[in-house]
N, C-alpha and C. Protein backbone atom coordinates (compact mmCIF):
# COMPACT_ATOMS: atom_id res chain seq x y z
N MET A 1 -34.90 -31.66 14.94
CA MET A 1 -35.69 -32.14 13.83
C MET A 1 -34.78 -32.48 12.66
N ILE A 2 -35.00 -33.60 12.03
CA ILE A 2 -34.21 -34.05 10.90
C ILE A 2 -34.96 -33.66 9.63
N PRO A 3 -34.29 -32.97 8.69
CA PRO A 3 -34.97 -32.57 7.47
C PRO A 3 -35.31 -33.78 6.61
N PRO A 4 -36.30 -33.64 5.75
CA PRO A 4 -36.67 -34.75 4.87
C PRO A 4 -35.49 -35.16 3.98
N ALA A 5 -35.52 -36.38 3.49
CA ALA A 5 -34.42 -36.95 2.71
C ALA A 5 -34.13 -36.14 1.46
N PHE A 6 -35.17 -35.62 0.77
CA PHE A 6 -34.92 -34.89 -0.46
C PHE A 6 -34.19 -33.56 -0.17
N VAL A 7 -34.39 -32.95 0.98
CA VAL A 7 -33.67 -31.73 1.36
C VAL A 7 -32.22 -32.07 1.66
N GLN A 8 -31.98 -33.19 2.37
CA GLN A 8 -30.62 -33.61 2.66
C GLN A 8 -29.84 -33.87 1.38
N LYS A 9 -30.47 -34.52 0.41
CA LYS A 9 -29.80 -34.83 -0.86
C LYS A 9 -29.46 -33.55 -1.62
N LYS A 10 -30.38 -32.57 -1.63
CA LYS A 10 -30.10 -31.30 -2.31
C LYS A 10 -28.94 -30.58 -1.64
N TRP A 11 -28.91 -30.58 -0.31
CA TRP A 11 -27.85 -29.91 0.42
C TRP A 11 -26.48 -30.54 0.11
N ILE A 12 -26.43 -31.87 0.10
CA ILE A 12 -25.19 -32.57 -0.22
C ILE A 12 -24.78 -32.27 -1.65
N PHE A 13 -25.74 -32.29 -2.60
CA PHE A 13 -25.45 -32.01 -4.00
C PHE A 13 -24.92 -30.58 -4.15
N LEU A 14 -25.56 -29.59 -3.51
CA LEU A 14 -25.11 -28.21 -3.61
C LEU A 14 -23.72 -28.04 -3.01
N SER A 15 -23.47 -28.71 -1.89
CA SER A 15 -22.15 -28.62 -1.26
C SER A 15 -21.08 -29.18 -2.18
N ILE A 16 -21.33 -30.33 -2.76
CA ILE A 16 -20.35 -30.97 -3.65
C ILE A 16 -20.19 -30.16 -4.94
N ALA A 17 -21.29 -29.64 -5.47
CA ALA A 17 -21.25 -28.89 -6.73
C ALA A 17 -20.51 -27.56 -6.58
N THR A 18 -20.60 -26.90 -5.44
CA THR A 18 -19.96 -25.59 -5.28
C THR A 18 -18.53 -25.67 -4.75
N LEU A 19 -18.12 -26.80 -4.20
CA LEU A 19 -16.79 -26.92 -3.63
C LEU A 19 -15.68 -26.59 -4.63
N PRO A 20 -15.70 -27.09 -5.88
CA PRO A 20 -14.62 -26.74 -6.81
C PRO A 20 -14.53 -25.24 -7.07
N PHE A 21 -15.67 -24.56 -7.12
CA PHE A 21 -15.65 -23.12 -7.37
C PHE A 21 -15.07 -22.36 -6.17
N ILE A 22 -15.37 -22.81 -4.98
CA ILE A 22 -14.81 -22.19 -3.78
C ILE A 22 -13.30 -22.40 -3.77
N LEU A 23 -12.87 -23.63 -4.03
CA LEU A 23 -11.43 -23.91 -4.05
C LEU A 23 -10.74 -23.16 -5.18
N LEU A 24 -11.38 -23.04 -6.33
CA LEU A 24 -10.82 -22.30 -7.46
C LEU A 24 -10.65 -20.84 -7.07
N GLY A 25 -11.63 -20.26 -6.39
CA GLY A 25 -11.54 -18.88 -5.94
C GLY A 25 -10.39 -18.67 -4.99
N ILE A 26 -10.20 -19.57 -4.06
CA ILE A 26 -9.09 -19.46 -3.11
C ILE A 26 -7.77 -19.61 -3.84
N SER A 27 -7.69 -20.58 -4.73
CA SER A 27 -6.46 -20.80 -5.48
C SER A 27 -6.14 -19.60 -6.37
N THR A 28 -7.14 -19.07 -7.06
CA THR A 28 -6.93 -17.93 -7.95
C THR A 28 -6.46 -16.72 -7.16
N LYS A 29 -7.04 -16.48 -6.00
CA LYS A 29 -6.64 -15.34 -5.18
C LYS A 29 -5.18 -15.48 -4.77
N GLU A 30 -4.77 -16.68 -4.34
CA GLU A 30 -3.38 -16.91 -3.95
C GLU A 30 -2.45 -16.79 -5.16
N GLN A 31 -2.88 -17.31 -6.31
CA GLN A 31 -2.05 -17.22 -7.51
C GLN A 31 -1.87 -15.76 -7.92
N MET A 32 -2.93 -14.95 -7.80
CA MET A 32 -2.83 -13.53 -8.14
C MET A 32 -1.86 -12.82 -7.19
N ALA A 33 -1.94 -13.14 -5.91
CA ALA A 33 -1.04 -12.53 -4.93
C ALA A 33 0.40 -12.94 -5.22
N GLN A 34 0.60 -14.22 -5.56
CA GLN A 34 1.94 -14.70 -5.86
C GLN A 34 2.46 -14.03 -7.13
N ALA A 35 1.62 -13.89 -8.14
CA ALA A 35 2.03 -13.23 -9.38
C ALA A 35 2.40 -11.78 -9.12
N ALA A 36 1.64 -11.12 -8.28
CA ALA A 36 1.94 -9.72 -7.94
C ALA A 36 3.30 -9.63 -7.26
N ARG A 37 3.59 -10.55 -6.36
CA ARG A 37 4.89 -10.54 -5.68
C ARG A 37 6.03 -10.78 -6.67
N GLN A 38 5.81 -11.68 -7.64
CA GLN A 38 6.86 -12.00 -8.60
C GLN A 38 7.07 -10.85 -9.58
N ASN A 39 5.99 -10.19 -9.99
CA ASN A 39 6.10 -9.13 -10.97
C ASN A 39 6.58 -7.82 -10.38
N TYR A 40 6.44 -7.65 -9.09
CA TYR A 40 6.79 -6.39 -8.46
C TYR A 40 7.67 -6.66 -7.24
N PRO A 41 8.90 -7.12 -7.47
CA PRO A 41 9.75 -7.43 -6.32
C PRO A 41 10.16 -6.17 -5.58
N VAL A 42 10.29 -6.31 -4.26
CA VAL A 42 10.77 -5.21 -3.44
C VAL A 42 12.27 -5.40 -3.28
N GLN A 43 12.98 -4.33 -3.50
CA GLN A 43 14.43 -4.39 -3.40
C GLN A 43 14.87 -3.97 -2.01
N ASP A 44 16.03 -4.43 -1.61
CA ASP A 44 16.63 -3.99 -0.36
C ASP A 44 17.06 -2.53 -0.54
N SER A 45 16.96 -1.74 0.53
CA SER A 45 17.28 -0.32 0.43
C SER A 45 18.72 -0.08 0.01
N LYS A 46 19.64 -1.03 0.27
CA LYS A 46 21.02 -0.86 -0.17
C LYS A 46 21.09 -0.88 -1.69
N ALA A 47 20.20 -1.63 -2.33
CA ALA A 47 20.17 -1.70 -3.78
C ALA A 47 19.20 -0.68 -4.37
N LEU A 48 18.44 -0.02 -3.53
CA LEU A 48 17.44 0.96 -3.99
C LEU A 48 18.12 2.32 -4.11
N PRO A 49 18.37 2.76 -5.32
CA PRO A 49 19.06 4.05 -5.46
C PRO A 49 18.15 5.21 -5.07
N ASP A 50 18.78 6.35 -4.81
CA ASP A 50 17.99 7.54 -4.51
C ASP A 50 17.03 7.78 -5.66
N GLY A 51 15.82 8.18 -5.33
CA GLY A 51 14.83 8.42 -6.36
C GLY A 51 13.43 8.43 -5.78
N VAL A 52 12.45 8.45 -6.67
CA VAL A 52 11.03 8.50 -6.31
C VAL A 52 10.42 7.13 -6.57
N TYR A 53 9.61 6.65 -5.62
CA TYR A 53 9.03 5.31 -5.71
C TYR A 53 7.55 5.35 -5.36
N LEU A 54 6.82 4.41 -5.96
CA LEU A 54 5.39 4.27 -5.71
C LEU A 54 5.09 2.80 -5.43
N TYR A 55 4.41 2.55 -4.32
CA TYR A 55 3.98 1.20 -3.94
C TYR A 55 2.49 1.25 -3.63
N GLY A 56 1.80 0.13 -3.82
CA GLY A 56 0.38 0.09 -3.49
C GLY A 56 -0.07 -1.30 -3.10
N ASN A 57 -1.24 -1.36 -2.48
CA ASN A 57 -1.77 -2.68 -2.16
C ASN A 57 -2.55 -3.25 -3.35
N SER A 58 -2.47 -2.57 -4.49
CA SER A 58 -2.97 -3.07 -5.76
C SER A 58 -1.83 -2.96 -6.78
N PRO A 59 -1.67 -3.95 -7.65
CA PRO A 59 -0.62 -3.85 -8.66
C PRO A 59 -0.96 -2.85 -9.77
N GLN A 60 -2.15 -2.28 -9.71
CA GLN A 60 -2.59 -1.27 -10.68
C GLN A 60 -2.62 0.09 -10.00
N PRO A 61 -2.14 1.14 -10.64
CA PRO A 61 -2.17 2.46 -10.01
C PRO A 61 -3.57 3.06 -10.00
N ASN A 62 -3.78 4.00 -9.09
CA ASN A 62 -4.97 4.85 -9.05
C ASN A 62 -6.29 4.08 -8.96
N GLN A 63 -6.32 3.01 -8.21
CA GLN A 63 -7.53 2.22 -8.03
C GLN A 63 -8.27 2.72 -6.78
N LEU A 64 -9.54 3.05 -6.94
CA LEU A 64 -10.34 3.49 -5.80
C LEU A 64 -10.36 2.41 -4.73
N LEU A 65 -10.45 2.82 -3.49
CA LEU A 65 -10.52 1.94 -2.33
C LEU A 65 -9.23 1.15 -2.09
N HIS A 66 -8.14 1.58 -2.70
CA HIS A 66 -6.83 0.98 -2.47
C HIS A 66 -5.91 2.03 -1.88
N ASN A 67 -4.86 1.59 -1.22
CA ASN A 67 -3.91 2.49 -0.56
C ASN A 67 -2.57 2.45 -1.27
N TYR A 68 -1.92 3.60 -1.29
CA TYR A 68 -0.64 3.74 -1.96
C TYR A 68 0.32 4.54 -1.09
N VAL A 69 1.59 4.37 -1.36
CA VAL A 69 2.62 5.18 -0.71
C VAL A 69 3.57 5.65 -1.81
N VAL A 70 3.76 6.95 -1.87
CA VAL A 70 4.72 7.53 -2.80
C VAL A 70 5.78 8.22 -1.94
N PHE A 71 7.04 8.00 -2.29
CA PHE A 71 8.09 8.60 -1.48
C PHE A 71 9.34 8.84 -2.31
N GLU A 72 10.15 9.76 -1.80
CA GLU A 72 11.45 10.01 -2.38
C GLU A 72 12.49 9.61 -1.35
N GLN A 73 13.48 8.86 -1.80
CA GLN A 73 14.58 8.45 -0.92
C GLN A 73 15.82 9.24 -1.31
N GLN A 74 16.51 9.74 -0.29
CA GLN A 74 17.80 10.40 -0.48
C GLN A 74 18.70 9.94 0.66
N ASN A 75 19.69 9.11 0.34
CA ASN A 75 20.64 8.58 1.33
C ASN A 75 19.97 7.89 2.50
N GLY A 76 18.95 7.09 2.22
CA GLY A 76 18.25 6.34 3.28
C GLY A 76 17.17 7.13 3.98
N GLN A 77 17.17 8.46 3.81
CA GLN A 77 16.11 9.30 4.37
C GLN A 77 14.98 9.39 3.35
N VAL A 78 13.76 9.37 3.85
CA VAL A 78 12.61 9.42 2.95
C VAL A 78 11.62 10.49 3.41
N PHE A 79 10.90 11.01 2.43
CA PHE A 79 9.71 11.81 2.70
C PHE A 79 8.71 11.44 1.64
N GLY A 80 7.44 11.55 1.97
CA GLY A 80 6.42 11.16 1.01
C GLY A 80 5.05 11.22 1.62
N ALA A 81 4.15 10.38 1.07
CA ALA A 81 2.76 10.40 1.51
C ALA A 81 2.13 9.03 1.39
N PHE A 82 1.21 8.78 2.32
CA PHE A 82 0.28 7.65 2.22
C PHE A 82 -1.01 8.24 1.69
N TYR A 83 -1.64 7.56 0.71
CA TYR A 83 -2.89 8.11 0.18
C TYR A 83 -3.77 7.04 -0.44
N SER A 84 -5.02 7.41 -0.63
CA SER A 84 -5.98 6.65 -1.41
C SER A 84 -6.47 7.59 -2.51
N PRO A 85 -6.65 7.11 -3.74
CA PRO A 85 -7.11 7.99 -4.82
C PRO A 85 -8.43 8.68 -4.47
N GLN A 86 -8.52 9.92 -4.88
CA GLN A 86 -9.69 10.78 -4.65
C GLN A 86 -10.01 10.93 -3.17
N SER A 87 -8.96 10.98 -2.36
CA SER A 87 -9.11 11.12 -0.92
C SER A 87 -7.96 11.98 -0.40
N ASP A 88 -7.90 12.16 0.90
CA ASP A 88 -6.82 12.91 1.51
C ASP A 88 -5.53 12.10 1.49
N PHE A 89 -4.44 12.77 1.80
CA PHE A 89 -3.16 12.08 1.95
C PHE A 89 -2.50 12.55 3.22
N THR A 90 -1.61 11.71 3.72
CA THR A 90 -0.86 12.01 4.93
C THR A 90 0.63 12.01 4.59
N CYS A 91 1.28 13.14 4.83
CA CYS A 91 2.71 13.26 4.56
C CYS A 91 3.51 12.58 5.67
N PHE A 92 4.73 12.19 5.33
CA PHE A 92 5.62 11.60 6.33
C PHE A 92 7.06 11.91 6.01
N ARG A 93 7.92 11.72 6.99
CA ARG A 93 9.37 11.77 6.81
C ARG A 93 9.98 10.74 7.75
N GLY A 94 11.13 10.21 7.36
CA GLY A 94 11.77 9.21 8.21
C GLY A 94 12.84 8.45 7.48
N ASP A 95 12.92 7.14 7.77
CA ASP A 95 13.99 6.29 7.25
C ASP A 95 13.42 5.10 6.50
N LEU A 96 14.23 4.60 5.57
CA LEU A 96 13.95 3.34 4.89
C LEU A 96 14.99 2.35 5.42
N ARG A 97 14.52 1.32 6.10
CA ARG A 97 15.41 0.31 6.69
C ARG A 97 15.06 -1.03 6.08
N GLY A 98 15.93 -1.47 5.19
CA GLY A 98 15.63 -2.70 4.47
C GLY A 98 14.43 -2.45 3.56
N THR A 99 13.37 -3.18 3.81
CA THR A 99 12.13 -2.99 3.03
C THR A 99 11.04 -2.38 3.89
N ARG A 100 11.44 -1.75 5.00
CA ARG A 100 10.44 -1.18 5.90
C ARG A 100 10.64 0.33 6.03
N LEU A 101 9.54 1.04 5.82
CA LEU A 101 9.53 2.48 6.08
C LEU A 101 9.27 2.67 7.57
N GLU A 102 10.14 3.44 8.22
CA GLU A 102 9.93 3.83 9.62
C GLU A 102 9.89 5.34 9.62
N VAL A 103 8.66 5.87 9.68
CA VAL A 103 8.47 7.30 9.44
C VAL A 103 7.57 7.92 10.51
N ALA A 104 7.60 9.24 10.52
CA ALA A 104 6.68 10.02 11.35
C ALA A 104 5.65 10.64 10.41
N ALA A 105 4.39 10.31 10.63
CA ALA A 105 3.30 10.89 9.85
C ALA A 105 3.05 12.30 10.35
N LEU A 106 2.87 13.23 9.42
CA LEU A 106 2.71 14.64 9.75
C LEU A 106 1.28 15.06 9.45
N SER A 107 0.63 15.64 10.42
CA SER A 107 -0.75 16.06 10.26
C SER A 107 -0.95 17.41 10.95
N PRO A 108 -1.69 18.33 10.30
CA PRO A 108 -1.93 19.62 10.94
C PRO A 108 -2.84 19.49 12.17
N GLU A 109 -3.60 18.40 12.26
CA GLU A 109 -4.54 18.23 13.36
C GLU A 109 -3.93 17.62 14.61
N GLN A 110 -2.78 16.97 14.48
CA GLN A 110 -2.18 16.29 15.63
C GLN A 110 -0.66 16.27 15.51
N PRO A 111 0.02 16.02 16.63
CA PRO A 111 1.48 15.95 16.55
C PRO A 111 1.92 14.76 15.70
N PRO A 112 3.17 14.78 15.21
CA PRO A 112 3.66 13.64 14.41
C PRO A 112 3.50 12.32 15.17
N TYR A 113 3.18 11.26 14.43
CA TYR A 113 3.04 9.94 15.04
C TYR A 113 3.77 8.92 14.17
N GLU A 114 4.27 7.89 14.84
CA GLU A 114 5.09 6.87 14.19
C GLU A 114 4.25 5.92 13.35
N VAL A 115 4.77 5.61 12.15
CA VAL A 115 4.14 4.64 11.25
C VAL A 115 5.25 3.76 10.69
N LYS A 116 5.00 2.46 10.67
CA LYS A 116 5.91 1.51 10.03
C LYS A 116 5.15 0.82 8.92
N ALA A 117 5.72 0.79 7.74
CA ALA A 117 5.08 0.16 6.58
C ALA A 117 6.05 -0.80 5.94
N GLN A 118 5.63 -2.03 5.74
CA GLN A 118 6.47 -3.07 5.15
C GLN A 118 6.25 -3.05 3.63
N LEU A 119 7.24 -2.58 2.88
CA LEU A 119 7.10 -2.49 1.43
C LEU A 119 6.99 -3.86 0.77
N SER A 120 7.53 -4.90 1.41
CA SER A 120 7.46 -6.24 0.81
C SER A 120 6.03 -6.76 0.75
N GLN A 121 5.12 -6.12 1.46
CA GLN A 121 3.71 -6.52 1.40
C GLN A 121 2.94 -5.71 0.37
N LEU A 122 3.63 -4.84 -0.36
CA LEU A 122 3.00 -3.99 -1.35
C LEU A 122 3.60 -4.26 -2.72
N ALA A 123 2.88 -3.86 -3.76
CA ALA A 123 3.36 -3.99 -5.12
C ALA A 123 4.11 -2.72 -5.51
N ALA A 124 5.32 -2.88 -6.05
CA ALA A 124 6.07 -1.74 -6.57
C ALA A 124 5.50 -1.38 -7.93
N LEU A 125 5.09 -0.14 -8.08
CA LEU A 125 4.50 0.30 -9.35
C LEU A 125 5.56 1.03 -10.16
N PRO A 126 5.66 0.74 -11.45
CA PRO A 126 6.77 1.26 -12.25
C PRO A 126 6.68 2.74 -12.63
N ARG A 127 5.49 3.34 -12.56
CA ARG A 127 5.33 4.71 -13.05
C ARG A 127 4.73 5.59 -11.97
N VAL A 128 5.35 6.74 -11.74
CA VAL A 128 4.85 7.74 -10.81
C VAL A 128 4.09 8.77 -11.63
N SER A 129 2.80 8.96 -11.34
CA SER A 129 1.96 9.85 -12.13
C SER A 129 2.18 11.32 -11.78
N GLU A 130 1.58 12.22 -12.55
CA GLU A 130 1.65 13.65 -12.24
C GLU A 130 1.01 13.93 -10.88
N ASN A 131 -0.08 13.25 -10.58
CA ASN A 131 -0.73 13.44 -9.28
C ASN A 131 0.18 12.98 -8.14
N ASP A 132 0.87 11.86 -8.33
CA ASP A 132 1.83 11.39 -7.33
C ASP A 132 2.92 12.44 -7.12
N GLN A 133 3.40 13.02 -8.21
CA GLN A 133 4.43 14.06 -8.13
C GLN A 133 3.90 15.29 -7.40
N ARG A 134 2.63 15.65 -7.65
CA ARG A 134 2.02 16.80 -6.98
C ARG A 134 1.93 16.55 -5.47
N ILE A 135 1.48 15.36 -5.10
CA ILE A 135 1.39 15.00 -3.67
C ILE A 135 2.79 15.06 -3.05
N LEU A 136 3.76 14.49 -3.74
CA LEU A 136 5.13 14.46 -3.23
C LEU A 136 5.69 15.88 -3.08
N SER A 137 5.41 16.74 -4.03
CA SER A 137 5.88 18.13 -3.95
C SER A 137 5.27 18.85 -2.75
N THR A 138 3.99 18.63 -2.52
CA THR A 138 3.32 19.24 -1.37
C THR A 138 3.95 18.75 -0.07
N CYS A 139 4.21 17.45 0.01
CA CYS A 139 4.82 16.90 1.22
C CYS A 139 6.25 17.38 1.40
N LYS A 140 6.95 17.60 0.31
CA LYS A 140 8.31 18.12 0.39
C LYS A 140 8.29 19.52 1.02
N GLN A 141 7.34 20.33 0.61
CA GLN A 141 7.20 21.68 1.18
C GLN A 141 6.87 21.60 2.67
N ILE A 142 5.98 20.68 3.03
CA ILE A 142 5.59 20.54 4.44
C ILE A 142 6.77 20.08 5.29
N THR A 143 7.50 19.07 4.82
CA THR A 143 8.63 18.57 5.61
C THR A 143 9.73 19.62 5.69
N ALA A 144 9.95 20.40 4.63
CA ALA A 144 10.95 21.46 4.67
C ALA A 144 10.52 22.54 5.66
N SER A 145 9.24 22.86 5.66
CA SER A 145 8.72 23.86 6.59
C SER A 145 8.91 23.41 8.04
N LEU A 146 8.63 22.16 8.31
CA LEU A 146 8.80 21.64 9.66
C LEU A 146 10.28 21.57 10.05
N ALA A 147 11.14 21.26 9.09
CA ALA A 147 12.58 21.19 9.38
C ALA A 147 13.13 22.58 9.73
N ARG A 148 12.52 23.64 9.15
CA ARG A 148 12.93 25.01 9.47
C ARG A 148 12.38 25.46 10.83
N GLY A 149 11.48 24.65 11.37
CA GLY A 149 10.90 25.00 12.68
C GLY A 149 9.57 25.73 12.59
N ASP A 150 9.02 25.85 11.38
CA ASP A 150 7.69 26.46 11.25
C ASP A 150 6.68 25.56 11.92
N SER A 151 5.84 26.11 12.76
CA SER A 151 4.89 25.29 13.48
C SER A 151 3.58 25.09 12.73
N SER A 152 3.35 25.88 11.70
CA SER A 152 2.08 25.73 10.98
C SER A 152 2.31 24.96 9.69
N ILE A 153 1.38 24.08 9.39
CA ILE A 153 1.40 23.33 8.13
C ILE A 153 0.25 23.87 7.30
N ASP A 154 0.57 24.55 6.20
CA ASP A 154 -0.49 25.12 5.34
C ASP A 154 -0.85 24.19 4.23
């Protein structure tokens, strides 16, 4: 069945009228992603000095429904946590190779499992909060406990 002419005209008008807004939305999203990449460059691990770092899939810290990784690097070895604000976190230990974390996630419910995270796909955040430090301290205790051979993670 072919719709009446006045319905066809409205459909064409609506399609043409909304197209710039759709294209603007796509362009704005790409521009925001590009701006985030430019404002928060990921450094190569050779240039990344030992220290504490915070990365997220949002250029703003502590955003609900976003994921973050906080870690401390010492001579290419890292320990830290993957987390979402107001949620649980998962500790890890492993290596930083270039811009990729290659770590073992540590969980009291299951044996360690491998995780690879590409830091170049995340925004480097300039400030590590007190909560980030608390999470990092907890994970440091867990990784030290496991390194000593303690089988329980408290």
